[in-house]
Amino acid sequence: MTTRIPRSRRRRLRRAALLPLAPLVVAAVMAPAPPAHAAVVMQLEDALSTLPTAEEDRTGYLPEAFPHWNAGTDPADDCDTRREVLIAEAVEAPVVGPGCTIHGGTWTSYYDDQTVSGTGSLTVDHLVPLAEAWGSGAASWTAARREAYANDRGAPATLAVATTRTVQEKAEQDVADWLPLEGEDYCRYVGEWVATKHRWSLSVDEDELETLKLFADNACEETVVIYAPAE
């Protein structure tokens, strides 16, 4: 079972869904960079209508069921998936030394819009948490597919760089319980959540779908979902 947050926090999420976004924020959400290979492009409302729905069941979940981090896209460079994401998402490139040691660099934390120098306070987060994926369909996957999900470099939405503090606050919660409201990036987050669910054929539960529809009908009605099904 998912631990639900206080009603006051849920009311805050719903109020956010009703607020109009500034045009600049909407424009950023409307034009995410598509994957290099063929992708499905849908309005958020349409993408929600084609998501499978099912009661979430996290019984038996263990983080070890999703092996990460693996050797990444190029095992020869000594950079695991985590370091690959950090290098790719840096706004000021770090120095990469032997053994893929990372020195310096600057990042903008997606969830709270904080600019951070160095990697010490950063985490590479699974946007759709591993426990959420398990309860939404991944429990029946092979170990190899769960590893592929946990190290997904084929879509920019699956993994996100954010401050460790914010990732700890988010924990294993879904969109019915947590959104990155402080940085006004909730429409991006909602769109990428839905894209990841589609990419990996994961289901949504009733509370999750209710929250997503509220945003799709209000503040995030212009959001476009872009995804390519995982192989």
Protein backbone atom coordinates (compact mmCIF):
# COMPACT_ATOMS: atom_id res chain seq x y z
CA MET A 1 0.00 0.00 0.00
CA THR A 2 1.14 3.57 -0.72
CA THR A 3 1.45 5.92 2.26
CA ARG A 4 -0.66 8.96 1.50
CA ILE A 5 0.42 12.45 2.43
CA PRO A 6 -1.70 14.85 4.56
CA ARG A 7 -4.86 16.26 3.05
CA SER A 8 -3.39 19.78 3.18
CA ARG A 9 -0.65 18.73 0.75
CA ARG A 10 -3.18 17.07 -1.56
CA ARG A 11 -5.27 20.26 -1.56
CA ARG A 12 -2.14 22.19 -2.50
CA LEU A 13 -1.57 19.94 -5.50
CA ARG A 14 -5.12 20.45 -6.67
CA ARG A 15 -4.92 24.24 -6.24
CA ALA A 16 -1.76 24.21 -8.35
CA ALA A 17 -3.57 22.37 -11.12
CA LEU A 18 -6.09 25.20 -11.34
CA LEU A 19 -3.50 27.98 -11.62
CA PRO A 20 -2.64 29.32 -15.08
CA LEU A 21 1.01 29.13 -16.07
CA ALA A 22 3.06 31.99 -17.44
CA PRO A 23 3.44 31.73 -21.23
CA LEU A 24 7.18 31.04 -20.98
CA VAL A 25 6.60 28.00 -18.78
CA VAL A 26 3.90 26.68 -21.08
CA ALA A 27 6.16 27.11 -24.10
CA ALA A 28 8.90 25.13 -22.39
CA VAL A 29 6.50 22.31 -21.70
CA MET A 30 5.08 22.32 -25.21
CA ALA A 31 8.42 21.75 -26.93
CA PRO A 32 10.48 19.07 -25.17
CA ALA A 33 13.31 17.53 -27.15
CA PRO A 34 12.05 14.31 -28.77
CA PRO A 35 14.09 11.10 -28.73
CA ALA A 36 16.32 10.51 -31.75
CA HIS A 37 14.23 7.52 -32.84
CA ALA A 38 10.54 7.38 -33.78
CA ALA A 39 8.31 8.73 -31.04
CA VAL A 40 4.62 9.02 -30.21
CA VAL A 41 3.43 12.61 -29.72
CA MET A 42 0.11 13.23 -27.95
CA GLN A 43 -1.68 15.93 -26.00
CA LEU A 44 -1.68 15.16 -22.30
CA GLU A 45 -5.43 14.58 -22.24
CA ASP A 46 -5.21 12.04 -25.06
CA ALA A 47 -2.21 10.32 -23.50
CA LEU A 48 -4.15 9.87 -20.27
CA SER A 49 -7.07 8.27 -22.07
CA THR A 50 -4.87 5.45 -23.36
CA LEU A 51 -3.06 4.61 -20.12
CA PRO A 52 -4.03 1.25 -18.56
CA THR A 53 -5.66 1.56 -15.14
CA ALA A 54 -5.22 -0.89 -12.29
CA GLU A 55 -5.03 -0.94 -8.51
CA GLU A 56 -1.45 -0.42 -7.42
CA ASP A 57 0.19 -3.27 -5.50
CA ARG A 58 3.70 -2.80 -4.12
CA THR A 59 3.74 -6.13 -2.29
CA GLY A 60 7.16 -7.73 -2.40
CA TYR A 61 9.00 -4.65 -3.65
CA LEU A 62 12.73 -4.39 -2.94
CA PRO A 63 15.10 -1.85 -4.52
CA GLU A 64 17.43 -4.74 -5.33
CA ALA A 65 14.86 -5.96 -7.85
CA PHE A 66 16.02 -3.11 -10.12
CA PRO A 67 19.81 -3.47 -10.51
CA HIS A 68 21.42 -0.04 -10.83
CA TRP A 69 23.66 1.59 -11.68
CA ASN A 70 25.03 -0.52 -14.54
CA ALA A 71 27.92 0.16 -16.94
CA GLY A 72 25.89 2.63 -19.00
CA THR A 73 25.82 3.07 -22.75
CA ASP A 74 29.59 2.72 -23.18
CA PRO A 75 31.13 0.21 -20.75
CA ALA A 76 34.61 1.13 -21.98
CA ASP A 77 34.48 4.69 -20.57
CA ASP A 78 34.13 3.61 -16.90
CA CYS A 79 31.06 5.84 -16.53
CA ASP A 80 28.07 4.11 -14.98
CA THR A 81 24.54 5.27 -15.80
CA ARG A 82 24.43 7.71 -12.90
CA ARG A 83 27.59 9.49 -14.01
CA GLU A 84 26.42 9.49 -17.64
CA VAL A 85 23.25 11.33 -16.61
CA LEU A 86 25.18 13.84 -14.52
CA ILE A 87 27.57 14.57 -17.39
CA ALA A 88 24.74 14.84 -19.93
CA GLU A 89 22.59 17.19 -17.81
CA ALA A 90 25.31 19.57 -16.60
CA VAL A 91 24.68 23.19 -17.55
CA GLU A 92 28.40 23.86 -17.10
CA ALA A 93 30.41 20.78 -18.02
CA PRO A 94 32.48 19.14 -15.30
CA VAL A 95 35.99 17.81 -15.72
CA VAL A 96 35.84 14.05 -16.17
CA GLY A 97 38.97 12.30 -14.98
CA PRO A 98 40.24 8.72 -14.94
CA GLY A 99 37.69 6.19 -13.78
CA CYS A 100 34.98 8.68 -14.69
CA THR A 101 35.63 10.83 -11.64
CA ILE A 102 33.66 14.07 -11.92
CA HIS A 103 35.13 17.38 -10.74
CA GLY A 104 33.41 20.75 -10.77
CA GLY A 105 30.47 21.38 -13.05
CA THR A 106 27.13 23.09 -12.47
CA TRP A 107 23.61 21.66 -12.58
CA THR A 108 20.09 23.01 -12.30
CA SER A 109 18.04 20.76 -10.04
CA TYR A 110 14.90 19.89 -11.98
CA TYR A 111 12.55 19.50 -9.00
CA ASP A 112 13.31 22.70 -7.09
CA ASP A 113 15.02 24.93 -9.68
CA GLN A 114 18.18 25.24 -7.60
CA THR A 115 21.56 25.84 -9.23
CA VAL A 116 24.19 23.55 -7.72
CA SER A 117 27.96 23.43 -8.19
CA GLY A 118 29.55 20.01 -7.79
CA THR A 119 27.76 16.71 -7.40
CA GLY A 120 27.88 16.36 -3.62
CA SER A 121 24.27 17.42 -3.01
CA LEU A 122 22.76 15.92 -6.17
CA THR A 123 20.91 12.66 -6.83
CA VAL A 124 19.98 11.02 -10.12
CA ASP A 125 16.35 10.16 -9.49
CA HIS A 126 13.96 7.75 -11.17
CA LEU A 127 11.15 10.15 -12.07
CA VAL A 128 8.63 7.32 -11.74
CA PRO A 129 10.05 5.72 -8.58
CA LEU A 130 11.13 2.11 -8.60
CA ALA A 131 8.47 1.17 -6.04
CA GLU A 132 5.82 2.88 -8.17
CA ALA A 133 7.01 1.00 -11.25
CA TRP A 134 6.91 -2.29 -9.32
CA GLY A 135 3.35 -1.67 -8.17
CA SER A 136 2.26 -0.58 -11.65
CA GLY A 137 3.40 -3.62 -13.61
CA ALA A 138 7.14 -4.14 -13.20
CA ALA A 139 6.63 -6.88 -10.58
CA SER A 140 5.89 -9.25 -13.46
CA TRP A 141 8.91 -8.22 -15.55
CA THR A 142 12.10 -10.16 -16.00
CA ALA A 143 15.15 -9.04 -14.03
CA ALA A 144 16.73 -7.87 -17.28
CA ARG A 145 13.79 -5.58 -18.08
CA ARG A 146 13.80 -4.10 -14.59
CA GLU A 147 17.51 -3.38 -14.98
CA ALA A 148 16.79 -1.73 -18.33
CA TYR A 149 14.16 0.47 -16.67
CA ALA A 150 16.39 1.44 -13.77
CA ASN A 151 19.19 2.47 -16.16
CA ASP A 152 17.08 3.89 -18.99
CA ARG A 153 19.21 6.23 -21.12
CA GLY A 154 16.92 5.89 -24.13
CA ALA A 155 14.57 8.64 -22.98
CA PRO A 156 15.51 11.86 -21.17
CA ALA A 157 12.42 11.76 -18.95
CA THR A 158 13.11 8.51 -17.07
CA LEU A 159 16.05 9.79 -15.01
CA ALA A 160 16.37 13.29 -13.57
CA VAL A 161 19.06 15.22 -11.70
CA ALA A 162 17.75 16.91 -8.56
CA THR A 163 18.96 17.96 -5.13
CA THR A 164 19.19 15.05 -2.72
CA ARG A 165 17.03 16.97 -0.24
CA THR A 166 14.15 17.18 -2.71
CA VAL A 167 14.50 13.58 -3.83
CA GLN A 168 14.30 12.49 -0.18
CA GLU A 169 11.15 14.57 0.22
CA LYS A 170 9.63 12.95 -2.85
CA ALA A 171 10.70 9.44 -1.77
CA GLU A 172 8.54 6.78 -3.46
CA GLN A 173 5.42 8.94 -3.83
CA ASP A 174 3.40 9.22 -7.01
CA VAL A 175 1.84 12.34 -8.55
CA ALA A 176 -1.22 12.09 -6.30
CA ASP A 177 1.06 12.85 -3.38
CA TRP A 178 4.05 14.86 -4.64
CA LEU A 179 4.90 17.31 -7.40
CA PRO A 180 7.80 19.79 -7.77
CA LEU A 181 5.60 22.82 -7.22
CA GLU A 182 8.28 25.14 -5.89
CA GLY A 183 10.00 25.43 -9.26
CA GLU A 184 6.70 25.63 -11.20
CA ASP A 185 7.88 22.62 -13.17
CA TYR A 186 4.82 20.54 -12.40
CA CYS A 187 3.54 20.47 -15.99
CA ARG A 188 6.88 19.17 -17.21
CA TYR A 189 6.83 16.62 -14.40
CA VAL A 190 3.25 15.53 -15.15
CA GLY A 191 4.02 15.19 -18.86
CA GLU A 192 7.20 13.22 -18.26
CA TRP A 193 5.47 11.02 -15.69
CA VAL A 194 2.84 10.07 -18.25
CA ALA A 195 5.49 9.64 -20.96
CA THR A 196 7.44 7.24 -18.74
CA LYS A 197 4.32 5.26 -17.88
CA HIS A 198 3.55 4.90 -21.58
CA ARG A 199 7.14 4.11 -22.55
CA TRP A 200 7.24 1.19 -20.13
CA SER A 201 3.56 0.16 -20.37
CA LEU A 202 2.92 0.88 -16.70
CA SER A 203 -0.56 1.36 -15.29
CA VAL A 204 -2.04 4.19 -13.21
CA ASP A 205 -4.32 3.86 -10.19
CA GLU A 206 -7.49 5.87 -9.58
CA ASP A 207 -5.98 8.58 -7.36
CA GLU A 208 -3.06 9.02 -9.75
CA LEU A 209 -5.33 9.30 -12.77
CA GLU A 210 -7.63 11.75 -11.00
CA THR A 211 -4.70 14.04 -10.24
CA LEU A 212 -3.31 13.81 -13.77
CA LYS A 213 -6.72 14.61 -15.29
CA LEU A 214 -7.08 17.65 -13.06
CA PHE A 215 -3.84 19.07 -14.42
CA ALA A 216 -4.69 18.07 -18.00
CA ASP A 217 -7.99 19.93 -17.76
CA ASN A 218 -6.49 23.08 -16.24
CA ALA A 219 -2.93 24.35 -15.80
CA CYS A 220 -1.32 21.73 -18.05
CA GLU A 221 -3.86 21.51 -20.85
CA GLU A 222 -1.22 22.55 -23.41
CA THR A 223 1.32 19.95 -22.28
CA VAL A 224 2.53 17.55 -24.95
CA VAL A 225 3.60 14.01 -24.09
CA ILE A 226 6.42 12.52 -26.18
CA TYR A 227 7.59 8.95 -25.74
CA ALA A 228 8.99 5.96 -27.58
CA PRO A 229 8.04 2.48 -26.33
CA ALA A 230 10.92 0.73 -24.59
CA GLU A 231 12.35 -2.23 -26.42
